[in-house]
Amino acid sequence: MDPRLFDASHTGNVNQLNSLVRENALILEAASLVNGHNPLHVASMAGHLNFVREVLKLKTEFADELNQDGFSPLHIAAARGDVDIVRELLKVGNRLCLVKGREERIPLHYSAIKGRSEVLKELVLACPDSIEEVTARRESVLHLAVKNSRFEALKFLVQQLKRSNKERALNWRDSQGNHILHLAMARKQYEAMEFLLSGYAIDKDLVEVNAINGAGLTPLDILFLVNNEVGDAEIAEILTRSGATRARGLPSSSMVMVATEDPEAQTDQSSGNRGRSTWTNYCTCFLKLDYERIQLFEDFKYNKRKDSASDVRNVLLVVATLITTATYQAVLQPPGGRWQDNSGPSTNSTDPTKCGTASPKAGKAVLGSSNQLAYISFVIFNTAGFFASLQVIDILTSGFPMRRELRIALLALIGTYDIVMHTLSPNDLVSNIFFGLSIAVPFMMWFIGR
């Protein structure tokens, strides 16, 4: 743009504009060819109504153009809240209300973001259908009003939807699946929650109080996810009166029920209010901790969309190796330890759980001599864990280089495990059980894992 034309637009000097046009009849045409602001953008930004009016007489097409930031002159005037310039621009045509700029936002969206209530009225009056336009992120004008805490704008927009029978827009979701209640709850906007769910302004049944967003959360879930603040109990009560529940099936009414069942509340009004508040805050904290615990488990669960196969294999290999090490170590150091000499319990014991062998030998498992049933159980579970972890290692290393050598090492480990267990077994019965397991368990694991 010619610097002189920019200066005239910035200062609102209509005489200078006319002088430049007389000097060069194509100066405005040249300005439209430059990527950036045109004179109408600059004048709208500076708030020069007369200059805007004069430019529109000379070149109306400027009103439809977007600058490098994706704003039309009407976008700028709407964001600034300049009602007079908005009205002047709308004389060009109501189509300007639907001009999409950056992120597909129309002028109405910017007036809602900035809370320009008077401009909102002008734009909706000029083009009632603009209230149903959404941004590139699927945000409606209601989403933008709630996100930016523009309560007065929200009230006007909801009332306008009611007049035009477009209440369906109340339940629209953005690209993340958020209902306006999700956003209001996340920002603890008590006024907005009360307005939407009280039933005074609109029928509260028209609002989906249990809408689930993309994260699987209802508005009530959001209450327990964000930090506790004064007024949370009142917001929770508004939701529960409207039939709100948590996404995981836990009825939120339990929180309010506990609060109202305080016996002191029925006898002493003042102490009852304190008790109600205490119980409500306690239950709010408890349910919040419960939700956070469940959410923590969900965060650590395997997700095939974000967890790569190689990372999962590496984790499984580490876990299987740890199990193999633990179970092998349990063989070397069985519960109760090993006999250090050839002395042992008397052979005249009448305890049916004790072995009747004479003088256990040094190196044998103490548990096998003192409690045969417990030792057999130890053998069964420890052997199952050992062979299962070895099979996991064998499967996860399939296709690896030096596969033959790795299998030889695993077989050698199995052999040493068998020898150690046989050596520790205090009698033939336990030894026979073990050898049967050493054959059956690997076969069963192979069969299950096919």
Protein backbone atom coordinates (compact mmCIF):
# COMPACT_ATOMS: atom_id res chain seq x y z
CA MET A 1 0.00 0.00 0.00
CA ASP A 2 1.16 3.50 -0.81
CA PRO A 3 2.59 5.02 2.40
CA ARG A 4 0.54 8.17 1.86
CA LEU A 5 -2.63 6.11 1.57
CA PHE A 6 -1.74 4.18 4.72
CA ASP A 7 -1.15 7.45 6.58
CA ALA A 8 -4.51 8.81 5.44
CA SER A 9 -6.24 5.60 6.54
CA HIS A 10 -4.48 5.60 9.90
CA THR A 11 -5.35 9.21 10.67
CA GLY A 12 -8.80 9.11 9.08
CA ASN A 13 -8.02 12.05 6.77
CA VAL A 14 -10.79 11.95 4.17
CA ASN A 15 -9.47 15.02 2.33
CA GLN A 16 -6.09 13.41 1.88
CA LEU A 17 -7.80 10.26 0.56
CA ASN A 18 -9.73 12.22 -2.06
CA SER A 19 -6.61 14.14 -3.03
CA LEU A 20 -4.68 10.89 -3.57
CA VAL A 21 -7.49 9.46 -5.69
CA ARG A 22 -7.59 12.57 -7.86
CA GLU A 23 -3.84 12.36 -8.26
CA ASN A 24 -3.87 8.67 -9.11
CA ALA A 25 -7.20 7.12 -10.03
CA LEU A 26 -5.73 3.61 -9.68
CA ILE A 27 -4.25 4.05 -6.22
CA LEU A 28 -7.03 2.04 -4.58
CA GLU A 29 -6.76 -0.65 -7.26
CA ALA A 30 -3.06 -0.91 -6.56
CA ALA A 31 -3.73 -1.23 -2.82
CA SER A 32 -5.97 -4.23 -3.44
CA LEU A 33 -3.14 -6.02 -5.24
CA VAL A 34 -0.81 -5.84 -2.25
CA ASN A 35 -0.87 -8.69 0.27
CA GLY A 36 -1.70 -7.09 3.60
CA HIS A 37 -3.97 -4.41 4.95
CA ASN A 38 -6.16 -2.41 2.64
CA PRO A 39 -7.33 1.12 3.64
CA LEU A 40 -10.56 -0.27 5.06
CA HIS A 41 -8.66 -2.60 7.40
CA VAL A 42 -6.57 0.25 8.73
CA ALA A 43 -9.49 2.64 9.14
CA SER A 44 -11.60 -0.03 10.89
CA MET A 45 -8.73 -0.76 13.23
CA ALA A 46 -8.28 2.92 14.01
CA GLY A 47 -12.03 3.49 14.41
CA HIS A 48 -12.47 6.22 11.74
CA LEU A 49 -16.15 5.95 10.75
CA ASN A 50 -16.16 8.75 8.16
CA PHE A 51 -13.11 7.38 6.44
CA VAL A 52 -14.70 3.91 6.33
CA ARG A 53 -17.82 5.40 4.80
CA GLU A 54 -15.77 7.24 2.14
CA VAL A 55 -13.68 4.18 1.21
CA LEU A 56 -16.83 2.08 0.81
CA LYS A 57 -18.14 4.64 -1.68
CA LEU A 58 -14.94 4.43 -3.72
CA LYS A 59 -14.25 0.71 -3.55
CA THR A 60 -16.83 -1.57 -1.93
CA GLU A 61 -14.79 -4.71 -2.66
CA PHE A 62 -12.43 -3.83 0.17
CA ALA A 63 -15.10 -5.00 2.63
CA ASP A 64 -14.74 -8.63 1.47
CA GLU A 65 -10.96 -8.82 1.61
CA LEU A 66 -8.92 -10.57 4.30
CA ASN A 67 -5.59 -9.24 5.49
CA GLN A 68 -2.52 -11.40 6.11
CA ASP A 69 -3.85 -12.33 9.56
CA GLY A 70 -7.14 -13.60 8.18
CA PHE A 71 -9.31 -10.64 9.24
CA SER A 72 -11.85 -8.77 7.16
CA PRO A 73 -12.76 -5.19 8.09
CA LEU A 74 -15.90 -6.54 9.77
CA HIS A 75 -13.83 -9.02 11.79
CA ILE A 76 -11.75 -6.13 13.08
CA ALA A 77 -14.69 -3.87 13.88
CA ALA A 78 -16.54 -6.74 15.62
CA ALA A 79 -13.53 -7.58 17.77
CA ARG A 80 -13.09 -3.90 18.70
CA GLY A 81 -16.77 -3.54 19.53
CA ASP A 82 -17.21 -0.56 17.20
CA VAL A 83 -20.97 -0.72 16.61
CA ASP A 84 -21.08 2.26 14.24
CA ILE A 85 -18.48 0.86 11.86
CA VAL A 86 -20.14 -2.57 12.05
CA ARG A 87 -23.44 -1.03 10.95
CA GLU A 88 -21.72 0.88 8.15
CA LEU A 89 -20.01 -2.25 6.85
CA LEU A 90 -23.22 -4.25 7.00
CA LYS A 91 -24.79 -1.77 4.57
CA VAL A 92 -22.59 -3.38 1.91
CA GLY A 93 -24.44 -6.63 2.43
CA ASN A 94 -25.31 -9.19 5.08
CA ARG A 95 -22.97 -11.64 3.34
CA LEU A 96 -20.11 -10.02 5.24
CA CYS A 97 -21.41 -11.72 8.39
CA LEU A 98 -20.44 -15.10 6.92
CA VAL A 99 -16.96 -14.22 5.67
CA LYS A 100 -14.64 -16.84 7.17
CA GLY A 101 -11.24 -15.69 8.32
CA ARG A 102 -8.51 -17.35 10.31
CA GLU A 103 -9.52 -20.82 11.57
CA GLU A 104 -12.82 -20.28 9.68
CA ARG A 105 -14.03 -17.78 12.25
CA ILE A 106 -16.68 -15.26 11.26
CA PRO A 107 -17.10 -11.76 12.77
CA LEU A 108 -19.70 -13.07 15.23
CA HIS A 109 -17.09 -15.40 16.73
CA TYR A 110 -14.73 -12.52 17.50
CA SER A 111 -17.46 -10.41 19.03
CA ALA A 112 -18.30 -13.36 21.34
CA ILE A 113 -14.64 -13.89 22.25
CA LYS A 114 -14.31 -10.25 23.22
CA GLY A 115 -17.77 -10.07 24.81
CA ARG A 116 -19.05 -7.27 22.54
CA SER A 117 -22.75 -7.65 23.33
CA GLU A 118 -23.97 -4.71 21.22
CA VAL A 119 -22.08 -5.95 18.19
CA LEU A 120 -23.46 -9.46 18.80
CA LYS A 121 -26.97 -8.09 18.54
CA GLU A 122 -26.21 -6.23 15.31
CA LEU A 123 -24.60 -9.26 13.66
CA VAL A 124 -27.30 -11.72 14.71
CA LEU A 125 -30.01 -9.31 13.61
CA ALA A 126 -28.35 -8.87 10.22
CA CYS A 127 -27.78 -12.59 9.69
CA PRO A 128 -29.61 -14.94 12.09
CA ASP A 129 -28.04 -18.02 10.46
CA SER A 130 -24.56 -16.88 11.51
CA ILE A 131 -25.25 -18.13 15.02
CA GLU A 132 -24.99 -21.70 13.69
CA GLU A 133 -21.59 -21.26 12.05
CA VAL A 134 -18.66 -23.17 13.58
CA THR A 135 -14.90 -22.69 13.41
CA ALA A 136 -12.29 -25.05 11.99
CA ARG A 137 -12.17 -26.66 15.45
CA ARG A 138 -15.93 -27.21 15.38
CA GLU A 139 -16.42 -24.54 18.03
CA SER A 140 -19.76 -22.78 18.00
CA VAL A 141 -20.20 -19.21 19.14
CA LEU A 142 -21.46 -20.68 22.44
CA HIS A 143 -18.20 -22.56 22.92
CA LEU A 144 -16.22 -19.39 22.37
CA ALA A 145 -18.36 -17.38 24.78
CA VAL A 146 -17.96 -19.99 27.54
CA LYS A 147 -14.24 -20.52 26.92
CA ASN A 148 -13.64 -16.80 27.30
CA SER A 149 -15.99 -16.36 30.30
CA ARG A 150 -18.38 -14.06 28.44
CA PHE A 151 -21.52 -14.71 30.46
CA GLU A 152 -23.58 -11.81 29.10
CA ALA A 153 -22.78 -12.89 25.55
CA LEU A 154 -23.78 -16.45 26.43
CA LYS A 155 -27.13 -15.30 27.81
CA PHE A 156 -27.94 -13.30 24.70
CA LEU A 157 -26.94 -16.14 22.37
CA VAL A 158 -28.99 -18.74 24.24
CA GLN A 159 -32.03 -16.48 24.23
CA GLN A 160 -31.55 -15.88 20.52
CA LEU A 161 -31.40 -19.62 19.88
CA LYS A 162 -34.66 -20.00 21.77
CA ARG A 163 -36.39 -17.27 19.73
CA SER A 164 -35.29 -18.81 16.44
CA ASN A 165 -36.04 -22.42 17.49
CA LYS A 166 -32.40 -23.43 17.09
CA GLU A 167 -31.86 -24.91 20.55
CA ARG A 168 -30.15 -27.92 18.95
CA ALA A 169 -27.01 -25.79 18.79
CA LEU A 170 -26.83 -25.99 22.59
CA ASN A 171 -25.61 -29.58 22.35
CA TRP A 172 -23.05 -29.22 19.59
CA ARG A 173 -19.57 -30.57 20.31
CA ASP A 174 -16.21 -29.16 19.31
CA SER A 175 -13.42 -31.17 17.69
CA GLN A 176 -12.52 -32.67 21.08
CA GLY A 177 -16.10 -33.68 21.78
CA ASN A 178 -16.61 -30.98 24.42
CA HIS A 179 -20.12 -29.80 25.14
CA ILE A 180 -20.48 -26.24 26.46
CA LEU A 181 -21.13 -27.80 29.89
CA HIS A 182 -17.69 -29.43 29.80
CA LEU A 183 -16.09 -26.04 29.20
CA ALA A 184 -18.21 -24.30 31.83
CA MET A 185 -17.34 -26.96 34.38
CA ALA A 186 -13.62 -26.87 33.58
CA ARG A 187 -13.63 -23.12 34.25
CA LYS A 188 -15.95 -23.41 37.28
CA GLN A 189 -18.45 -20.97 35.76
CA TYR A 190 -21.23 -21.17 38.31
CA GLU A 191 -23.36 -18.51 36.60
CA ALA A 192 -23.25 -20.31 33.27
CA MET A 193 -24.13 -23.67 34.85
CA GLU A 194 -27.02 -22.15 36.78
CA PHE A 195 -28.28 -20.31 33.70
CA LEU A 196 -28.19 -23.38 31.44
CA LEU A 197 -29.64 -25.88 33.92
CA SER A 198 -32.00 -23.87 36.13
CA GLY A 199 -34.84 -24.08 33.62
CA TYR A 200 -35.63 -20.37 33.84
CA ALA A 201 -34.12 -19.26 30.54
CA ILE A 202 -34.60 -22.49 28.57
CA ASP A 203 -35.99 -25.92 29.19
CA LYS A 204 -33.18 -27.72 31.03
CA ASP A 205 -34.20 -31.00 29.37
CA LEU A 206 -32.88 -29.56 26.10
CA VAL A 207 -29.34 -29.59 27.47
CA GLU A 208 -27.44 -32.90 27.43
CA VAL A 209 -26.22 -32.89 31.01
CA ASN A 210 -24.48 -36.27 30.63
CA ALA A 211 -22.73 -35.55 27.34
CA ILE A 212 -19.45 -37.47 27.02
CA ASN A 213 -16.48 -35.75 25.40
CA GLY A 214 -13.60 -37.24 23.45
CA ALA A 215 -11.79 -38.18 26.68
CA GLY A 216 -14.80 -40.16 27.90
CA LEU A 217 -15.76 -37.60 30.56
CA THR A 218 -19.10 -36.14 31.51
CA PRO A 219 -19.39 -32.62 32.97
CA LEU A 220 -19.61 -34.16 36.44
CA ASP A 221 -16.35 -36.04 35.82
CA ILE A 222 -14.69 -32.73 35.08
CA LEU A 223 -15.71 -31.46 38.52
CA PHE A 224 -13.61 -34.14 40.23
CA LEU A 225 -10.73 -33.72 37.81
CA VAL A 226 -10.01 -30.02 38.32
CA ASN A 227 -8.86 -28.50 41.60
CA ASN A 228 -11.35 -28.19 44.44
CA GLU A 229 -12.58 -24.67 45.05
CA VAL A 230 -15.22 -22.89 47.05
CA GLY A 231 -18.56 -23.36 45.32
CA ASP A 232 -17.87 -26.84 43.96
CA ALA A 233 -20.64 -28.30 46.12
CA GLU A 234 -23.16 -25.84 44.68
CA ILE A 235 -22.12 -26.66 41.13
CA ALA A 236 -22.35 -30.39 41.88
CA GLU A 237 -25.81 -29.88 43.32
CA ILE A 238 -26.94 -28.06 40.18
CA LEU A 239 -25.73 -30.95 38.06
CA THR A 240 -27.22 -33.69 40.22
CA ARG A 241 -30.59 -31.94 40.29
CA SER A 242 -30.51 -32.11 36.51
CA GLY A 243 -29.77 -35.85 36.53
CA ALA A 244 -26.01 -35.71 35.98
CA THR A 245 -23.98 -38.88 36.48
CA ARG A 246 -20.37 -39.86 36.07
CA ALA A 247 -19.26 -41.62 32.92
CA ARG A 248 -18.10 -44.66 34.89
CA GLY A 249 -21.56 -45.32 36.20
CA LEU A 250 -21.07 -43.89 39.71
CA PRO A 251 -24.14 -41.78 40.49
CA SER A 252 -23.11 -38.31 41.53
CA SER A 253 -26.21 -38.04 43.70
CA SER A 254 -24.37 -40.07 46.34
CA MET A 255 -22.31 -37.00 47.15
CA VAL A 256 -25.35 -34.86 47.81
CA MET A 257 -27.10 -37.72 49.61
CA VAL A 258 -24.30 -38.04 52.12
CA ALA A 259 -24.42 -34.31 52.71
CA THR A 260 -28.15 -34.28 53.45
CA GLU A 261 -28.06 -37.36 55.68
CA ASP A 262 -25.99 -35.62 58.37
CA PRO A 263 -28.16 -36.15 61.51
CA GLU A 264 -27.13 -32.80 62.98
CA ALA A 265 -28.63 -31.02 59.96
CA GLN A 266 -32.09 -32.11 61.04
CA THR A 267 -31.82 -30.69 64.58
CA ASP A 268 -29.66 -27.59 64.33
CA GLN A 269 -29.85 -25.44 61.21
CA SER A 270 -26.60 -23.55 61.70
CA SER A 271 -24.55 -26.60 62.69
CA GLY A 272 -26.31 -28.54 59.96
CA ASN A 273 -25.06 -26.11 57.32
CA ARG A 274 -21.52 -26.54 58.59
CA GLY A 275 -21.92 -30.31 58.66
CA ARG A 276 -23.37 -30.34 55.18
CA SER A 277 -20.48 -28.31 53.86
CA THR A 278 -17.93 -30.53 55.64
CA TRP A 279 -19.47 -33.76 54.41
CA THR A 280 -19.88 -32.43 50.89
CA ASN A 281 -16.26 -31.29 50.71
CA TYR A 282 -15.13 -34.63 52.13
CA CYS A 283 -17.11 -36.60 49.57
CA THR A 284 -15.97 -34.32 46.76
CA CYS A 285 -12.33 -34.94 47.70
CA PHE A 286 -12.96 -38.67 48.07
CA LEU A 287 -14.63 -39.04 44.69
CA LYS A 288 -11.97 -36.88 43.08
CA LEU A 289 -9.22 -39.11 44.48
CA ASP A 290 -11.15 -42.16 43.30
CA TYR A 291 -11.40 -40.72 39.82
CA GLU A 292 -7.73 -39.76 39.74
CA ARG A 293 -6.78 -43.28 40.82
CA ILE A 294 -8.86 -44.83 38.04
CA GLN A 295 -7.57 -42.29 35.53
CA LEU A 296 -3.98 -43.10 36.58
CA PHE A 297 -4.56 -46.77 35.81
CA GLU A 298 -6.08 -45.83 32.47
CA ASP A 299 -3.04 -43.72 31.58
CA PHE A 300 -0.67 -46.63 32.18
CA LYS A 301 -2.72 -49.25 30.34
CA TYR A 302 -1.45 -50.50 27.00
CA ASN A 303 -2.75 -48.45 24.09
CA LYS A 304 -2.06 -49.92 20.68
CA ARG A 305 -2.56 -46.51 19.06
CA LYS A 306 0.29 -44.83 20.88
CA ASP A 307 2.49 -47.71 22.08
CA SER A 308 4.80 -49.15 19.43
CA ALA A 309 5.29 -52.91 19.09
CA SER A 310 9.05 -52.63 19.66
CA ASP A 311 8.56 -50.75 22.94
CA VAL A 312 6.03 -53.30 24.15
CA ARG A 313 8.38 -56.17 23.24
CA ASN A 314 11.23 -54.53 25.14
CA VAL A 315 9.07 -54.10 28.23
CA LEU A 316 7.85 -57.71 28.07
CA LEU A 317 11.42 -58.95 27.70
CA VAL A 318 12.47 -57.03 30.82
CA VAL A 319 9.51 -58.31 32.82
CA ALA A 320 10.03 -61.92 31.66
CA THR A 321 13.73 -61.72 32.52
CA LEU A 322 12.94 -60.43 36.01
CA ILE A 323 10.46 -63.28 36.58
CA THR A 324 12.99 -65.83 35.33
CA THR A 325 15.64 -64.43 37.67
CA ALA A 326 13.28 -64.35 40.67
CA THR A 327 12.00 -67.91 40.19
CA TYR A 328 15.50 -69.29 39.58
CA GLN A 329 16.77 -67.52 42.68
CA ALA A 330 13.88 -69.03 44.65
CA VAL A 331 15.18 -72.48 43.66
CA LEU A 332 18.67 -71.71 44.92
CA GLN A 333 17.33 -70.24 48.16
CA PRO A 334 14.03 -72.05 48.92
CA PRO A 335 11.75 -70.85 51.74
CA GLY A 336 13.24 -71.91 55.08
CA GLY A 337 16.69 -72.41 53.58
CA ARG A 338 18.63 -75.67 53.40
CA TRP A 339 19.87 -78.12 56.01
CA GLN A 340 23.44 -77.36 57.05
CA ASP A 341 24.13 -80.85 58.49
CA ASN A 342 22.58 -84.30 58.60
CA SER A 343 20.52 -83.71 61.76
CA GLY A 344 16.80 -83.21 61.42
CA PRO A 345 13.39 -83.72 63.01
CA SER A 346 12.49 -86.91 64.75
CA THR A 347 11.18 -89.75 62.59
CA ASN A 348 8.46 -90.43 65.16
CA SER A 349 6.53 -87.27 64.27
CA THR A 350 2.80 -87.82 63.87
CA ASP A 351 2.23 -84.63 61.89
CA PRO A 352 0.78 -85.78 58.54
CA THR A 353 2.29 -82.75 56.79
CA LYS A 354 5.79 -83.73 57.77
CA CYS A 355 7.97 -86.15 55.92
CA GLY A 356 8.82 -89.40 57.64
CA THR A 357 12.32 -89.72 56.21
CA ALA A 358 15.17 -90.34 58.59
CA SER A 359 17.75 -87.67 59.26
CA PRO A 360 17.52 -85.25 56.33
CA LYS A 361 20.80 -84.74 54.56
CA ALA A 362 22.73 -81.53 54.35
CA GLY A 363 21.79 -79.38 51.35
CA LYS A 364 18.17 -80.54 51.25
CA ALA A 365 15.30 -78.06 51.52
CA VAL A 366 14.19 -77.49 55.11
CA LEU A 367 10.60 -76.81 53.99
CA GLY A 368 10.46 -80.17 52.20
CA SER A 369 11.23 -81.95 55.45
CA SER A 370 9.15 -79.82 57.81
CA ASN A 371 6.04 -79.26 55.64
CA GLN A 372 5.78 -81.42 52.56
CA LEU A 373 2.47 -79.93 51.35
CA ALA A 374 3.82 -76.37 51.41
CA TYR A 375 6.97 -77.45 49.60
CA ILE A 376 5.03 -79.20 46.85
CA SER A 377 2.91 -76.04 46.37
CA PHE A 378 6.09 -73.97 46.16
CA VAL A 379 7.50 -76.33 43.52
CA ILE A 380 4.34 -76.16 41.39
CA PHE A 381 3.92 -72.38 41.35
CA ASN A 382 7.60 -71.53 41.08
CA THR A 383 8.11 -73.99 38.20
CA ALA A 384 5.05 -72.67 36.35
CA GLY A 385 6.34 -69.09 36.63
CA PHE A 386 9.86 -70.11 35.55
CA PHE A 387 8.83 -71.99 32.42
CA ALA A 388 6.18 -69.43 31.46
CA SER A 389 8.73 -66.61 31.57
CA LEU A 390 11.18 -68.66 29.52
CA GLN A 391 8.52 -69.25 26.88
CA VAL A 392 7.80 -65.50 26.74
CA ILE A 393 11.50 -64.85 26.17
CA ASP A 394 11.60 -67.53 23.47
CA ILE A 395 8.59 -66.02 21.65
CA LEU A 396 9.75 -62.40 21.89
CA THR A 397 13.22 -63.26 20.53
CA SER A 398 11.83 -65.07 17.51
CA GLY A 399 13.69 -63.94 14.43
CA PHE A 400 16.62 -62.54 16.39
CA PRO A 401 20.19 -63.23 15.24
CA MET A 402 22.02 -66.07 17.02
CA ARG A 403 18.66 -67.68 17.69
CA ARG A 404 20.17 -71.18 18.03
CA GLU A 405 22.70 -70.11 20.65
CA LEU A 406 19.97 -68.36 22.63
CA ARG A 407 17.82 -71.48 22.68
CA ILE A 408 20.79 -73.56 23.81
CA ALA A 409 21.28 -71.11 26.68
CA LEU A 410 17.60 -71.38 27.66
CA LEU A 411 17.76 -75.18 27.56
CA ALA A 412 20.87 -75.10 29.71
CA LEU A 413 19.06 -72.88 32.19
CA ILE A 414 16.20 -75.37 32.29
CA GLY A 415 18.69 -78.18 32.89
CA THR A 416 20.34 -76.45 35.81
CA TYR A 417 16.92 -75.62 37.23
CA ASP A 418 15.97 -79.32 37.08
CA ILE A 419 19.21 -80.40 38.72
CA VAL A 420 18.93 -77.88 41.55
CA MET A 421 15.32 -78.77 42.28
CA HIS A 422 16.07 -82.49 42.22
CA THR A 423 19.04 -81.98 44.52
CA LEU A 424 16.98 -80.03 47.03
CA SER A 425 14.04 -82.47 47.08
CA PRO A 426 14.13 -84.37 50.39
CA ASN A 427 12.39 -87.53 49.21
CA ASP A 428 11.43 -89.49 46.12
CA LEU A 429 7.77 -88.34 46.10
CA VAL A 430 8.61 -84.68 45.75
CA SER A 431 11.35 -85.48 43.25
CA ASN A 432 8.94 -87.44 41.07
CA ILE A 433 6.37 -84.66 41.22
CA PHE A 434 8.99 -82.17 40.11
CA PHE A 435 10.21 -84.21 37.16
CA GLY A 436 6.63 -84.66 36.05
CA LEU A 437 6.18 -80.90 36.19
CA SER A 438 9.43 -80.27 34.33
CA ILE A 439 7.99 -82.21 31.42
CA ALA A 440 4.32 -81.23 31.63
CA VAL A 441 4.63 -77.49 32.27
CA PRO A 442 6.77 -76.61 29.21
CA PHE A 443 4.46 -78.69 27.00
CA MET A 444 1.36 -76.98 28.44
CA MET A 445 2.91 -73.54 27.98
CA TRP A 446 3.83 -74.33 24.39
CA PHE A 447 0.31 -75.61 23.71
CA ILE A 448 -1.37 -72.53 25.28
CA GLY A 449 0.89 -70.12 23.46
CA ARG A 450 0.39 -71.57 19.98
